[in-house]
Amino acid sequence: MLLKEGDTIFVAHRRLFEKDEVRFFVGRVDVYEGGIVKVTGRSYVRDVMRGRMIEKEEQRTKILSLSSGTLLVYQLPTAVGLDALKFVDNEGRISLTDGKDFTMNLTEHTHGGRA
């Protein structure tokens, strides 16, 4: 089984058009079966006026097809707490972090990466 109940995942919605807004979802897997995942967590959208990520107030349960081709799905370490996660913008580089041991670079363009 690829994912199991309780796994934490980070979902980036693939932008299909130039003006599509950045959308993310972070949650815990409720059920996974045959490429379909039911996950409960929080949605995030980018505030284009202020250049920061906004967490939607209510928790959501989503059913997602991992084989759709429109989602980028990452499994996060089990030690990462959902409530501790936050987005940090450092000179145009967006990262997801728990403020402790976990940081994930979400920047779409390379900035000093390895060749």
PDB file of N, CA and C in Angstrom:
ATOM      1  N   MET A   1       0.849  -1.177   0.000  1.00  0.00           N
ATOM      2  CA  MET A   1       0.000   0.000   0.000  1.00  0.00           C
ATOM      3  C   MET A   1       0.897   1.243   0.000  1.00  0.00           C
ATOM      4  N   LEU A   2       0.593   2.154  -0.860  1.00  0.00           N
ATOM      5  CA  LEU A   2       1.419   3.348  -1.019  1.00  0.00           C
ATOM      6  C   LEU A   2       1.296   4.302   0.170  1.00  0.00           C
ATOM      7  N   LEU A   3       0.079   4.622   0.555  1.00  0.00           N
ATOM      8  CA  LEU A   3      -0.175   5.490   1.712  1.00  0.00           C
ATOM      9  C   LEU A   3      -1.019   4.733   2.710  1.00  0.00           C
ATOM     10  N   LYS A   4      -0.860   5.094   3.980  1.00  0.00           N
ATOM     11  CA  LYS A   4      -1.679   4.445   5.006  1.00  0.00           C
ATOM     12  C   LYS A   4      -2.340   5.503   5.889  1.00  0.00           C
ATOM     13  N   GLU A   5      -3.344   5.085   6.605  1.00  0.00           N
ATOM     14  CA  GLU A   5      -4.066   5.981   7.503  1.00  0.00           C
ATOM     15  C   GLU A   5      -3.093   6.660   8.462  1.00  0.00           C
ATOM     16  N   GLY A   6      -3.236   7.973   8.596  1.00  0.00           N
ATOM     17  CA  GLY A   6      -2.390   8.734   9.498  1.00  0.00           C
ATOM     18  C   GLY A   6      -1.181   9.376   8.843  1.00  0.00           C
ATOM     19  N   ASP A   7      -0.826   8.944   7.614  1.00  0.00           N
ATOM     20  CA  ASP A   7       0.281   9.589   6.904  1.00  0.00           C
ATOM     21  C   ASP A   7      -0.058  11.053   6.656  1.00  0.00           C
ATOM     22  N   THR A   8       0.946  11.903   6.678  1.00  0.00           N
ATOM     23  CA  THR A   8       0.762  13.325   6.407  1.00  0.00           C
ATOM     24  C   THR A   8       1.225  13.604   4.980  1.00  0.00           C
ATOM     25  N   ILE A   9       0.366  14.301   4.212  1.00  0.00           N
ATOM     26  CA  ILE A   9       0.739  14.635   2.839  1.00  0.00           C
ATOM     27  C   ILE A   9       0.597  16.131   2.589  1.00  0.00           C
ATOM     28  N   PHE A  10       1.404  16.593   1.666  1.00  0.00           N
ATOM     29  CA  PHE A  10       1.372  17.971   1.185  1.00  0.00           C
ATOM     30  C   PHE A  10       0.987  17.899  -0.288  1.00  0.00           C
ATOM     31  N   VAL A  11      -0.055  18.635  -0.670  1.00  0.00           N
ATOM     32  CA  VAL A  11      -0.559  18.606  -2.036  1.00  0.00           C
ATOM     33  C   VAL A  11      -0.419  19.993  -2.649  1.00  0.00           C
ATOM     34  N   ALA A  12       0.232  20.050  -3.799  1.00  0.00           N
ATOM     35  CA  ALA A  12       0.321  21.282  -4.574  1.00  0.00           C
ATOM     36  C   ALA A  12      -0.533  21.077  -5.820  1.00  0.00           C
ATOM     37  N   HIS A  13      -1.499  21.961  -6.022  1.00  0.00           N
ATOM     38  CA  HIS A  13      -2.335  21.887  -7.212  1.00  0.00           C
ATOM     39  C   HIS A  13      -1.537  22.450  -8.380  1.00  0.00           C
ATOM     40  N   ARG A  14      -1.365  21.646  -9.409  1.00  0.00           N
ATOM     41  CA  ARG A  14      -0.606  22.071 -10.581  1.00  0.00           C
ATOM     42  C   ARG A  14      -1.337  23.222 -11.264  1.00  0.00           C
ATOM     43  N   ARG A  15      -0.610  24.288 -11.525  1.00  0.00           N
ATOM     44  CA  ARG A  15      -1.197  25.428 -12.233  1.00  0.00           C
ATOM     45  C   ARG A  15      -1.246  25.093 -13.716  1.00  0.00           C
ATOM     46  N   LEU A  16      -2.447  25.103 -14.280  1.00  0.00           N
ATOM     47  CA  LEU A  16      -2.631  24.712 -15.670  1.00  0.00           C
ATOM     48  C   LEU A  16      -2.579  25.906 -16.628  1.00  0.00           C
ATOM     49  N   PHE A  17      -2.808  27.101 -16.088  1.00  0.00           N
ATOM     50  CA  PHE A  17      -2.818  28.308 -16.900  1.00  0.00           C
ATOM     51  C   PHE A  17      -1.957  29.371 -16.222  1.00  0.00           C
ATOM     52  N   GLU A  18      -1.468  30.302 -16.993  1.00  0.00           N
ATOM     53  CA  GLU A  18      -0.540  31.312 -16.497  1.00  0.00           C
ATOM     54  C   GLU A  18      -1.075  32.084 -15.303  1.00  0.00           C
ATOM     55  N   LYS A  19      -2.357  32.383 -15.279  1.00  0.00           N
ATOM     56  CA  LYS A  19      -2.925  33.215 -14.217  1.00  0.00           C
ATOM     57  C   LYS A  19      -3.547  32.397 -13.082  1.00  0.00           C
ATOM     58  N   ASP A  20      -3.386  31.091 -13.104  1.00  0.00           N
ATOM     59  CA  ASP A  20      -3.881  30.258 -12.006  1.00  0.00           C
ATOM     60  C   ASP A  20      -3.153  30.632 -10.718  1.00  0.00           C
ATOM     61  N   GLU A  21      -3.888  30.668  -9.640  1.00  0.00           N
ATOM     62  CA  GLU A  21      -3.297  30.973  -8.336  1.00  0.00           C
ATOM     63  C   GLU A  21      -2.673  29.721  -7.730  1.00  0.00           C
ATOM     64  N   VAL A  22      -1.680  29.922  -6.897  1.00  0.00           N
ATOM     65  CA  VAL A  22      -1.033  28.834  -6.177  1.00  0.00           C
ATOM     66  C   VAL A  22      -1.995  28.338  -5.092  1.00  0.00           C
ATOM     67  N   ARG A  23      -2.221  27.029  -5.043  1.00  0.00           N
ATOM     68  CA  ARG A  23      -3.079  26.428  -4.017  1.00  0.00           C
ATOM     69  C   ARG A  23      -2.383  25.204  -3.438  1.00  0.00           C
ATOM     70  N   PHE A  24      -2.445  25.100  -2.114  1.00  0.00           N
ATOM     71  CA  PHE A  24      -1.830  23.979  -1.413  1.00  0.00           C
ATOM     72  C   PHE A  24      -2.835  23.368  -0.442  1.00  0.00           C
ATOM     73  N   PHE A  25      -2.570  22.132  -0.057  1.00  0.00           N
ATOM     74  CA  PHE A  25      -3.378  21.435   0.942  1.00  0.00           C
ATOM     75  C   PHE A  25      -2.440  20.557   1.757  1.00  0.00           C
ATOM     76  N   VAL A  26      -2.600  20.578   3.073  1.00  0.00           N
ATOM     77  CA  VAL A  26      -1.819  19.732   3.969  1.00  0.00           C
ATOM     78  C   VAL A  26      -2.796  18.980   4.849  1.00  0.00           C
ATOM     79  N   GLY A  27      -2.625  17.665   4.924  1.00  0.00           N
ATOM     80  CA  GLY A  27      -3.558  16.901   5.743  1.00  0.00           C
ATOM     81  C   GLY A  27      -3.070  15.507   6.064  1.00  0.00           C
ATOM     82  N   ARG A  28      -3.903  14.809   6.829  1.00  0.00           N
ATOM     83  CA  ARG A  28      -3.628  13.422   7.213  1.00  0.00           C
ATOM     84  C   ARG A  28      -4.547  12.491   6.425  1.00  0.00           C
ATOM     85  N   VAL A  29      -3.966  11.395   5.982  1.00  0.00           N
ATOM     86  CA  VAL A  29      -4.696  10.417   5.200  1.00  0.00           C
ATOM     87  C   VAL A  29      -5.715   9.707   6.081  1.00  0.00           C
ATOM     88  N   ASP A  30      -6.974   9.704   5.623  1.00  0.00           N
ATOM     89  CA  ASP A  30      -8.028   8.931   6.285  1.00  0.00           C
ATOM     90  C   ASP A  30      -8.090   7.527   5.684  1.00  0.00           C
ATOM     91  N   VAL A  31      -8.076   7.477   4.338  1.00  0.00           N
ATOM     92  CA  VAL A  31      -8.149   6.208   3.615  1.00  0.00           C
ATOM     93  C   VAL A  31      -7.413   6.372   2.287  1.00  0.00           C
ATOM     94  N   TYR A  32      -6.716   5.311   1.869  1.00  0.00           N
ATOM     95  CA  TYR A  32      -6.094   5.289   0.550  1.00  0.00           C
ATOM     96  C   TYR A  32      -6.425   3.957  -0.105  1.00  0.00           C
ATOM     97  N   GLU A  33      -6.873   4.035  -1.367  1.00  0.00           N
ATOM     98  CA  GLU A  33      -7.173   2.808  -2.090  1.00  0.00           C
ATOM     99  C   GLU A  33      -7.062   3.053  -3.591  1.00  0.00           C
ATOM    100  N   GLY A  34      -6.222   2.301  -4.247  1.00  0.00           N
ATOM    101  CA  GLY A  34      -6.122   2.312  -5.699  1.00  0.00           C
ATOM    102  C   GLY A  34      -5.917   3.680  -6.338  1.00  0.00           C
ATOM    103  N   GLY A  35      -5.067   4.495  -5.755  1.00  0.00           N
ATOM    104  CA  GLY A  35      -4.778   5.793  -6.338  1.00  0.00           C
ATOM    105  C   GLY A  35      -5.712   6.912  -5.913  1.00  0.00           C
ATOM    106  N   ILE A  36      -6.680   6.613  -5.078  1.00  0.00           N
ATOM    107  CA  ILE A  36      -7.609   7.610  -4.548  1.00  0.00           C
ATOM    108  C   ILE A  36      -7.337   7.760  -3.059  1.00  0.00           C
ATOM    109  N   VAL A  37      -7.224   9.004  -2.596  1.00  0.00           N
ATOM    110  CA  VAL A  37      -6.948   9.251  -1.188  1.00  0.00           C
ATOM    111  C   VAL A  37      -8.023  10.171  -0.608  1.00  0.00           C
ATOM    112  N   LYS A  38      -8.485   9.825   0.578  1.00  0.00           N
ATOM    113  CA  LYS A  38      -9.372  10.689   1.357  1.00  0.00           C
ATOM    114  C   LYS A  38      -8.498  11.274   2.451  1.00  0.00           C
ATOM    115  N   VAL A  39      -8.425  12.600   2.507  1.00  0.00           N
ATOM    116  CA  VAL A  39      -7.493  13.269   3.404  1.00  0.00           C
ATOM    117  C   VAL A  39      -8.191  14.448   4.075  1.00  0.00           C
ATOM    118  N   THR A  40      -7.896  14.658   5.357  1.00  0.00           N
ATOM    119  CA  THR A  40      -8.494  15.754   6.121  1.00  0.00           C
ATOM    120  C   THR A  40      -7.400  16.700   6.574  1.00  0.00           C
ATOM    121  N   GLY A  41      -7.613  17.991   6.317  1.00  0.00           N
ATOM    122  CA  GLY A  41      -6.599  18.969   6.688  1.00  0.00           C
ATOM    123  C   GLY A  41      -7.000  20.385   6.326  1.00  0.00           C
ATOM    124  N   ARG A  42      -6.018  21.192   5.941  1.00  0.00           N
ATOM    125  CA  ARG A  42      -6.205  22.628   5.690  1.00  0.00           C
ATOM    126  C   ARG A  42      -5.802  23.001   4.271  1.00  0.00           C
ATOM    127  N   SER A  43      -6.549  23.938   3.698  1.00  0.00           N
ATOM    128  CA  SER A  43      -6.236  24.500   2.386  1.00  0.00           C
ATOM    129  C   SER A  43      -5.556  25.848   2.556  1.00  0.00           C
ATOM    130  N   TYR A  44      -4.665  26.145   1.621  1.00  0.00           N
ATOM    131  CA  TYR A  44      -3.925  27.410   1.641  1.00  0.00           C
ATOM    132  C   TYR A  44      -3.965  28.023   0.247  1.00  0.00           C
ATOM    133  N   VAL A  45      -4.141  29.336   0.197  1.00  0.00           N
ATOM    134  CA  VAL A  45      -4.095  30.071  -1.068  1.00  0.00           C
ATOM    135  C   VAL A  45      -3.143  31.247  -0.901  1.00  0.00           C
ATOM    136  N   ARG A  46      -2.607  31.709  -2.019  1.00  0.00           N
ATOM    137  CA  ARG A  46      -1.677  32.840  -1.967  1.00  0.00           C
ATOM    138  C   ARG A  46      -2.447  34.147  -2.056  1.00  0.00           C
ATOM    139  N   ASP A  47      -2.166  35.047  -1.127  1.00  0.00           N
ATOM    140  CA  ASP A  47      -2.710  36.408  -1.147  1.00  0.00           C
ATOM    141  C   ASP A  47      -1.803  37.214  -2.071  1.00  0.00           C
ATOM    142  N   VAL A  48      -2.256  37.447  -3.315  1.00  0.00           N
ATOM    143  CA  VAL A  48      -1.396  38.098  -4.302  1.00  0.00           C
ATOM    144  C   VAL A  48      -1.121  39.558  -3.950  1.00  0.00           C
ATOM    145  N   MET A  49      -1.991  40.190  -3.200  1.00  0.00           N
ATOM    146  CA  MET A  49      -1.787  41.586  -2.814  1.00  0.00           C
ATOM    147  C   MET A  49      -0.659  41.727  -1.795  1.00  0.00           C
ATOM    148  N   ARG A  50      -0.574  40.776  -0.855  1.00  0.00           N
ATOM    149  CA  ARG A  50       0.439  40.842   0.199  1.00  0.00           C
ATOM    150  C   ARG A  50       1.585  39.869  -0.009  1.00  0.00           C
ATOM    151  N   GLY A  51       1.436  38.960  -0.977  1.00  0.00           N
ATOM    152  CA  GLY A  51       2.503  38.013  -1.271  1.00  0.00           C
ATOM    153  C   GLY A  51       2.741  36.981  -0.196  1.00  0.00           C
ATOM    154  N   ARG A  52       1.693  36.573   0.505  1.00  0.00           N
ATOM    155  CA  ARG A  52       1.859  35.565   1.557  1.00  0.00           C
ATOM    156  C   ARG A  52       0.781  34.508   1.421  1.00  0.00           C
ATOM    157  N   MET A  53       0.974  33.396   2.120  1.00  0.00           N
ATOM    158  CA  MET A  53       0.001  32.307   2.079  1.00  0.00           C
ATOM    159  C   MET A  53      -1.028  32.501   3.179  1.00  0.00           C
ATOM    160  N   ILE A  54      -2.290  32.260   2.827  1.00  0.00           N
ATOM    161  CA  ILE A  54      -3.403  32.395   3.767  1.00  0.00           C
ATOM    162  C   ILE A  54      -4.002  31.012   4.002  1.00  0.00           C
ATOM    163  N   GLU A  55      -4.126  30.645   5.271  1.00  0.00           N
ATOM    164  CA  GLU A  55      -4.756  29.378   5.636  1.00  0.00           C
ATOM    165  C   GLU A  55      -6.256  29.587   5.724  1.00  0.00           C
ATOM    166  N   LYS A  56      -7.027  28.770   5.014  1.00  0.00           N
ATOM    167  CA  LYS A  56      -8.481  28.854   5.116  1.00  0.00           C
ATOM    168  C   LYS A  56      -8.898  28.388   6.506  1.00  0.00           C
ATOM    169  N   GLU A  57      -9.906  29.039   7.059  1.00  0.00           N
ATOM    170  CA  GLU A  57     -10.282  28.815   8.460  1.00  0.00           C
ATOM    171  C   GLU A  57     -10.747  27.401   8.767  1.00  0.00           C
ATOM    172  N   GLU A  58     -11.590  26.856   7.927  1.00  0.00           N
ATOM    173  CA  GLU A  58     -12.206  25.578   8.258  1.00  0.00           C
ATOM    174  C   GLU A  58     -11.375  24.395   7.748  1.00  0.00           C
ATOM    175  N   GLN A  59     -11.410  23.347   8.535  1.00  0.00           N
ATOM    176  CA  GLN A  59     -10.780  22.095   8.132  1.00  0.00           C
ATOM    177  C   GLN A  59     -11.635  21.475   7.032  1.00  0.00           C
ATOM    178  N   ARG A  60     -10.996  20.780   6.095  1.00  0.00           N
ATOM    179  CA  ARG A  60     -11.722  20.180   4.982  1.00  0.00           C
ATOM    180  C   ARG A  60     -11.312  18.728   4.819  1.00  0.00           C
ATOM    181  N   THR A  61     -12.244  17.944   4.290  1.00  0.00           N
ATOM    182  CA  THR A  61     -11.944  16.576   3.893  1.00  0.00           C
ATOM    183  C   THR A  61     -12.064  16.528   2.377  1.00  0.00           C
ATOM    184  N   LYS A  62     -10.991  16.098   1.730  1.00  0.00           N
ATOM    185  CA  LYS A  62     -10.965  16.044   0.272  1.00  0.00           C
ATOM    186  C   LYS A  62     -10.734  14.614  -0.182  1.00  0.00           C
ATOM    187  N   ILE A  63     -11.298  14.307  -1.334  1.00  0.00           N
ATOM    188  CA  ILE A  63     -11.039  13.036  -1.995  1.00  0.00           C
ATOM    189  C   ILE A  63     -10.288  13.383  -3.273  1.00  0.00           C
ATOM    190  N   LEU A  64      -9.063  12.886  -3.388  1.00  0.00           N
ATOM    191  CA  LEU A  64      -8.176  13.273  -4.475  1.00  0.00           C
ATOM    192  C   LEU A  64      -7.705  12.056  -5.260  1.00  0.00           C
ATOM    193  N   SER A  65      -7.622  12.216  -6.567  1.00  0.00           N
ATOM    194  CA  SER A  65      -7.058  11.183  -7.422  1.00  0.00           C
ATOM    195  C   SER A  65      -5.580  11.480  -7.620  1.00  0.00           C
ATOM    196  N   LEU A  66      -4.735  10.617  -7.115  1.00  0.00           N
ATOM    197  CA  LEU A  66      -3.295  10.828  -7.226  1.00  0.00           C
ATOM    198  C   LEU A  66      -2.786  10.575  -8.642  1.00  0.00           C
ATOM    199  N   SER A  67      -3.594   9.969  -9.478  1.00  0.00           N
ATOM    200  CA  SER A  67      -3.180   9.690 -10.853  1.00  0.00           C
ATOM    201  C   SER A  67      -3.755  10.697 -11.850  1.00  0.00           C
ATOM    202  N   SER A  68      -4.356  11.770 -11.362  1.00  0.00           N
ATOM    203  CA  SER A  68      -5.014  12.742 -12.245  1.00  0.00           C
ATOM    204  C   SER A  68      -4.041  13.554 -13.084  1.00  0.00           C
ATOM    205  N   GLY A  69      -2.814  13.701 -12.610  1.00  0.00           N
ATOM    206  CA  GLY A  69      -1.844  14.514 -13.322  1.00  0.00           C
ATOM    207  C   GLY A  69      -1.937  15.992 -12.986  1.00  0.00           C
ATOM    208  N   THR A  70      -2.889  16.379 -12.149  1.00  0.00           N
ATOM    209  CA  THR A  70      -3.043  17.794 -11.789  1.00  0.00           C
ATOM    210  C   THR A  70      -2.584  18.090 -10.367  1.00  0.00           C
ATOM    211  N   LEU A  71      -2.065  17.073  -9.690  1.00  0.00           N
ATOM    212  CA  LEU A  71      -1.614  17.247  -8.311  1.00  0.00           C
ATOM    213  C   LEU A  71      -0.164  16.803  -8.173  1.00  0.00           C
ATOM    214  N   LEU A  72       0.587  17.540  -7.373  1.00  0.00           N
ATOM    215  CA  LEU A  72       1.913  17.116  -6.948  1.00  0.00           C
ATOM    216  C   LEU A  72       1.763  16.764  -5.472  1.00  0.00           C
ATOM    217  N   VAL A  73       2.000  15.518  -5.120  1.00  0.00           N
ATOM    218  CA  VAL A  73       1.751  15.035  -3.761  1.00  0.00           C
ATOM    219  C   VAL A  73       3.065  14.576  -3.138  1.00  0.00           C
ATOM    220  N   TYR A  74       3.317  15.081  -1.933  1.00  0.00           N
ATOM    221  CA  TYR A  74       4.531  14.743  -1.194  1.00  0.00           C
ATOM    222  C   TYR A  74       4.127  14.150   0.155  1.00  0.00           C
ATOM    223  N   GLN A  75       4.762  13.070   0.550  1.00  0.00           N
ATOM    224  CA  GLN A  75       4.542  12.514   1.878  1.00  0.00           C
ATOM    225  C   GLN A  75       5.521  13.187   2.828  1.00  0.00           C
ATOM    226  N   LEU A  76       5.000  13.753   3.901  1.00  0.00           N
ATOM    227  CA  LEU A  76       5.825  14.451   4.883  1.00  0.00           C
ATOM    228  C   LEU A  76       6.246  13.487   5.987  1.00  0.00           C
ATOM    229  N   PRO A  77       7.326  13.806   6.684  1.00  0.00           N
ATOM    230  CA  PRO A  77       7.768  12.947   7.796  1.00  0.00           C
ATOM    231  C   PRO A  77       6.665  12.812   8.859  1.00  0.00           C
ATOM    232  N   THR A  78       6.588  11.656   9.471  1.00  0.00           N
ATOM    233  CA  THR A  78       5.537  11.404  10.462  1.00  0.00           C
ATOM    234  C   THR A  78       5.657  12.315  11.680  1.00  0.00           C
ATOM    235  N   ALA A  79       6.850  12.793  11.978  1.00  0.00           N
ATOM    236  CA  ALA A  79       7.051  13.645  13.156  1.00  0.00           C
ATOM    237  C   ALA A  79       6.521  15.070  12.960  1.00  0.00           C
ATOM    238  N   VAL A  80       6.203  15.446  11.733  1.00  0.00           N
ATOM    239  CA  VAL A  80       5.745  16.812  11.454  1.00  0.00           C
ATOM    240  C   VAL A  80       4.298  16.970  11.917  1.00  0.00           C
ATOM    241  N   GLY A  81       4.063  17.950  12.803  1.00  0.00           N
ATOM    242  CA  GLY A  81       2.713  18.241  13.283  1.00  0.00           C
ATOM    243  C   GLY A  81       2.006  19.210  12.358  1.00  0.00           C
ATOM    244  N   LEU A  82       0.774  18.909  11.996  1.00  0.00           N
ATOM    245  CA  LEU A  82       0.017  19.780  11.088  1.00  0.00           C
ATOM    246  C   LEU A  82      -0.136  21.193  11.640  1.00  0.00           C
ATOM    247  N   ASP A  83      -0.383  21.313  12.926  1.00  0.00           N
ATOM    248  CA  ASP A  83      -0.605  22.630  13.528  1.00  0.00           C
ATOM    249  C   ASP A  83       0.670  23.465  13.580  1.00  0.00           C
ATOM    250  N   ALA A  84       1.822  22.830  13.474  1.00  0.00           N
ATOM    251  CA  ALA A  84       3.091  23.556  13.541  1.00  0.00           C
ATOM    252  C   ALA A  84       3.534  24.087  12.175  1.00  0.00           C
ATOM    253  N   LEU A  85       2.944  23.582  11.090  1.00  0.00           N
ATOM    254  CA  LEU A  85       3.379  23.967   9.749  1.00  0.00           C
ATOM    255  C   LEU A  85       3.009  25.400   9.412  1.00  0.00           C
ATOM    256  N   LYS A  86       3.951  26.093   8.762  1.00  0.00           N
ATOM    257  CA  LYS A  86       3.689  27.459   8.306  1.00  0.00           C
ATOM    258  C   LYS A  86       4.516  27.713   7.055  1.00  0.00           C
ATOM    259  N   PHE A  87       4.067  28.680   6.272  1.00  0.00           N
ATOM    260  CA  PHE A  87       4.782  29.080   5.066  1.00  0.00           C
ATOM    261  C   PHE A  87       5.651  30.274   5.395  1.00  0.00           C
ATOM    262  N   VAL A  88       6.887  30.251   4.893  1.00  0.00           N
ATOM    263  CA  VAL A  88       7.829  31.332   5.125  1.00  0.00           C
ATOM    264  C   VAL A  88       8.312  31.833   3.769  1.00  0.00           C
ATOM    265  N   ASP A  89       8.287  33.146   3.596  1.00  0.00           N
ATOM    266  CA  ASP A  89       8.787  33.769   2.369  1.00  0.00           C
ATOM    267  C   ASP A  89      10.078  34.492   2.712  1.00  0.00           C
ATOM    268  N   ASN A  90      11.178  34.033   2.131  1.00  0.00           N
ATOM    269  CA  ASN A  90      12.482  34.631   2.377  1.00  0.00           C
ATOM    270  C   ASN A  90      13.047  35.098   1.035  1.00  0.00           C
ATOM    271  N   GLU A  91      12.930  36.398   0.777  1.00  0.00           N
ATOM    272  CA  GLU A  91      13.425  36.997  -0.457  1.00  0.00           C
ATOM    273  C   GLU A  91      12.861  36.311  -1.696  1.00  0.00           C
ATOM    274  N   GLY A  92      11.549  36.040  -1.684  1.00  0.00           N
ATOM    275  CA  GLY A  92      10.888  35.428  -2.832  1.00  0.00           C
ATOM    276  C   GLY A  92      10.949  33.922  -2.875  1.00  0.00           C
ATOM    277  N   ARG A  93      11.592  33.316  -1.903  1.00  0.00           N
ATOM    278  CA  ARG A  93      11.679  31.854  -1.825  1.00  0.00           C
ATOM    279  C   ARG A  93      10.690  31.364  -0.777  1.00  0.00           C
ATOM    280  N   ILE A  94       9.712  30.609  -1.209  1.00  0.00           N
ATOM    281  CA  ILE A  94       8.687  30.116  -0.288  1.00  0.00           C
ATOM    282  C   ILE A  94       9.087  28.732   0.215  1.00  0.00           C
ATOM    283  N   SER A  95       8.982  28.556   1.532  1.00  0.00           N
ATOM    284  CA  SER A  95       9.259  27.267   2.157  1.00  0.00           C
ATOM    285  C   SER A  95       8.111  26.904   3.084  1.00  0.00           C
ATOM    286  N   LEU A  96       7.919  25.603   3.267  1.00  0.00           N
ATOM    287  CA  LEU A  96       6.998  25.077   4.261  1.00  0.00           C
ATOM    288  C   LEU A  96       7.862  24.550   5.390  1.00  0.00           C
ATOM    289  N   THR A  97       7.568  24.954   6.627  1.00  0.00           N
ATOM    290  CA  THR A  97       8.414  24.540   7.749  1.00  0.00           C
ATOM    291  C   THR A  97       7.575  24.303   9.002  1.00  0.00           C
ATOM    292  N   ASP A  98       8.107  23.478   9.886  1.00  0.00           N
ATOM    293  CA  ASP A  98       7.488  23.299  11.197  1.00  0.00           C
ATOM    294  C   ASP A  98       8.220  24.129  12.248  1.00  0.00           C
ATOM    295  N   GLY A  99       9.223  24.904  11.807  1.00  0.00           N
ATOM    296  CA  GLY A  99       9.988  25.744  12.721  1.00  0.00           C
ATOM    297  C   GLY A  99      11.016  24.976  13.525  1.00  0.00           C
ATOM    298  N   LYS A 100      11.157  23.684  13.247  1.00  0.00           N
ATOM    299  CA  LYS A 100      12.115  22.849  13.978  1.00  0.00           C
ATOM    300  C   LYS A 100      13.032  22.162  12.970  1.00  0.00           C
ATOM    301  N   ASP A 101      12.789  20.888  12.753  1.00  0.00           N
ATOM    302  CA  ASP A 101      13.673  20.074  11.919  1.00  0.00           C
ATOM    303  C   ASP A 101      13.241  19.973  10.456  1.00  0.00           C
ATOM    304  N   PHE A 102      12.000  20.320  10.153  1.00  0.00           N
ATOM    305  CA  PHE A 102      11.490  20.115   8.794  1.00  0.00           C
ATOM    306  C   PHE A 102      11.355  21.437   8.038  1.00  0.00           C
ATOM    307  N   THR A 103      11.939  21.500   6.831  1.00  0.00           N
ATOM    308  CA  THR A 103      11.754  22.619   5.913  1.00  0.00           C
ATOM    309  C   THR A 103      11.730  22.063   4.499  1.00  0.00           C
ATOM    310  N   MET A 104      10.753  22.515   3.712  1.00  0.00           N
ATOM    311  CA  MET A 104      10.608  22.073   2.331  1.00  0.00           C
ATOM    312  C   MET A 104      10.566  23.294   1.432  1.00  0.00           C
ATOM    313  N   ASN A 105      11.510  23.390   0.505  1.00  0.00           N
ATOM    314  CA  ASN A 105      11.579  24.496  -0.437  1.00  0.00           C
ATOM    315  C   ASN A 105      10.471  24.332  -1.478  1.00  0.00           C
ATOM    316  N   LEU A 106       9.604  25.343  -1.625  1.00  0.00           N
ATOM    317  CA  LEU A 106       8.495  25.282  -2.573  1.00  0.00           C
ATOM    318  C   LEU A 106       8.682  26.218  -3.754  1.00  0.00           C
ATOM    319  N   THR A 107       9.844  26.817  -3.878  1.00  0.00           N
ATOM    320  CA  THR A 107      10.111  27.776  -4.934  1.00  0.00           C
ATOM    321  C   THR A 107      10.032  27.093  -6.296  1.00  0.00           C
ATOM    322  N   GLU A 108       9.326  27.723  -7.229  1.00  0.00           N
ATOM    323  CA  GLU A 108       9.154  27.147  -8.557  1.00  0.00           C
ATOM    324  C   GLU A 108      10.373  27.336  -9.438  1.00  0.00           C
ATOM    325  N   HIS A 109      11.177  28.350  -9.177  1.00  0.00           N
ATOM    326  CA  HIS A 109      12.344  28.644 -10.002  1.00  0.00           C
ATOM    327  C   HIS A 109      13.603  28.346  -9.210  1.00  0.00           C
ATOM    328  N   THR A 110      14.659  27.986  -9.902  1.00  0.00           N
ATOM    329  CA  THR A 110      15.902  27.679  -9.212  1.00  0.00           C
ATOM    330  C   THR A 110      16.565  28.942  -8.694  1.00  0.00           C
ATOM    331  N   HIS A 111      17.082  28.846  -7.514  1.00  0.00           N
ATOM    332  CA  HIS A 111      17.847  29.914  -6.869  1.00  0.00           C
ATOM    333  C   HIS A 111      19.021  29.263  -6.169  1.00  0.00           C
ATOM    334  N   GLY A 112      20.093  29.119  -6.873  1.00  0.00           N
ATOM    335  CA  GLY A 112      21.286  28.544  -6.246  1.00  0.00           C
ATOM    336  C   GLY A 112      21.189  27.065  -6.015  1.00  0.00           C
ATOM    337  N   GLY A 113      20.389  26.347  -6.800  1.00  0.00           N
ATOM    338  CA  GLY A 113      20.296  24.903  -6.652  1.00  0.00           C
ATOM    339  C   GLY A 113      21.517  24.217  -7.250  1.00  0.00           C
ATOM    340  N   ARG A 114      21.603  22.923  -7.065  1.00  0.00           N
ATOM    341  CA  ARG A 114      22.730  22.154  -7.595  1.00  0.00           C
ATOM    342  C   ARG A 114      22.527  21.878  -9.069  1.00  0.00           C
ATOM    343  N   ALA A 115      23.627  21.803  -9.793  1.00  0.00           N
ATOM    344  CA  ALA A 115      23.572  21.497 -11.229  1.00  0.00           C
ATOM    345  C   ALA A 115      24.033  20.084 -11.476  1.00  0.00           C
TER     346      ALA A 115
END
